[in-house]
Amino acid sequence: MLLDEDEDYGWRYKYHGKMWVILNKPYKWWGTYYELDIQGLKNDLDGAGWDDYDEFGKAYWDKDE
């Protein structure tokens, strides 16, 4: 059902919208929401430790260690 994408704003759209408002209230009260810190994640994944090559330019898969 792609009522919103098809711009079909009839009774089915209004019914499903109202049901979502009613049934989503308990989730808003007791549900789990996560916040994603994009900048912190970007800082954690940046640096030499995440590169495929070491400081000498040799790829990790070519090492014989």
Protein backbone atom coordinates (compact mmCIF):
# COMPACT_ATOMS: atom_id res chain seq x y z
CA MET A 1 0.00 0.00 0.00
CA LEU A 2 1.71 3.14 -1.18
CA LEU A 3 -1.15 5.52 -0.46
CA ASP A 4 1.10 8.48 0.31
CA GLU A 5 3.36 7.96 -2.69
CA ASP A 6 0.37 7.50 -5.00
CA GLU A 7 -1.25 10.62 -3.51
CA ASP A 8 -4.35 8.61 -2.66
CA TYR A 9 -5.61 10.55 0.37
CA GLY A 10 -9.00 8.88 0.62
CA TRP A 11 -10.62 7.08 3.55
CA ARG A 12 -7.98 4.32 3.66
CA TYR A 13 -5.18 6.86 4.07
CA LYS A 14 -7.05 8.65 6.86
CA TYR A 15 -7.92 5.35 8.58
CA HIS A 16 -4.34 4.06 8.56
CA GLY A 17 -3.03 7.44 9.71
CA LYS A 18 -5.44 7.48 12.65
CA MET A 19 -4.61 3.87 13.58
CA TRP A 20 -0.89 4.69 13.53
CA VAL A 21 -1.45 7.64 15.88
CA ILE A 22 -3.47 5.47 18.29
CA LEU A 23 -1.28 2.37 18.19
CA ASN A 24 2.03 4.26 18.30
CA LYS A 25 1.31 5.98 21.64
CA PRO A 26 2.46 3.06 23.83
CA TYR A 27 5.64 2.81 21.79
CA LYS A 28 6.31 6.52 22.26
CA TRP A 29 5.86 6.09 26.02
CA TRP A 30 7.76 2.83 26.59
CA GLY A 31 9.54 2.07 23.34
CA THR A 32 13.24 2.24 22.71
CA TYR A 33 14.61 5.08 20.66
CA TYR A 34 18.23 5.33 19.62
CA GLU A 35 20.15 8.45 18.76
CA LEU A 36 23.04 8.09 16.36
CA ASP A 37 26.00 10.41 16.87
CA ILE A 38 27.18 10.76 13.28
CA GLN A 39 30.10 13.06 14.08
CA GLY A 40 31.33 10.81 16.90
CA LEU A 41 31.05 7.75 14.68
CA LYS A 42 32.92 9.54 11.91
CA ASN A 43 35.71 10.46 14.34
CA ASP A 44 35.91 6.88 15.65
CA LEU A 45 36.21 5.37 12.19
CA ASP A 46 38.74 7.86 10.92
CA GLY A 47 42.47 7.36 11.26
CA ALA A 48 45.34 5.09 10.39
CA GLY A 49 43.84 2.08 12.19
CA TRP A 50 41.05 1.82 9.62
CA ASP A 51 43.24 2.06 6.53
CA ASP A 52 44.03 -1.00 4.39
CA TYR A 53 47.67 0.02 4.22
CA ASP A 54 50.25 0.44 6.95
CA GLU A 55 52.56 3.45 7.37
CA PHE A 56 54.91 2.04 4.68
CA GLY A 57 52.16 1.64 2.06
CA LYS A 58 52.03 -2.17 2.27
CA ALA A 59 48.55 -3.71 2.18
CA TYR A 60 47.52 -5.83 5.16
CA TRP A 61 46.73 -8.84 2.94
CA ASP A 62 50.27 -8.85 1.51
CA LYS A 63 51.95 -9.17 4.89
CA ASP A 64 53.61 -12.48 5.80
CA GLU A 65 53.23 -12.15 9.58
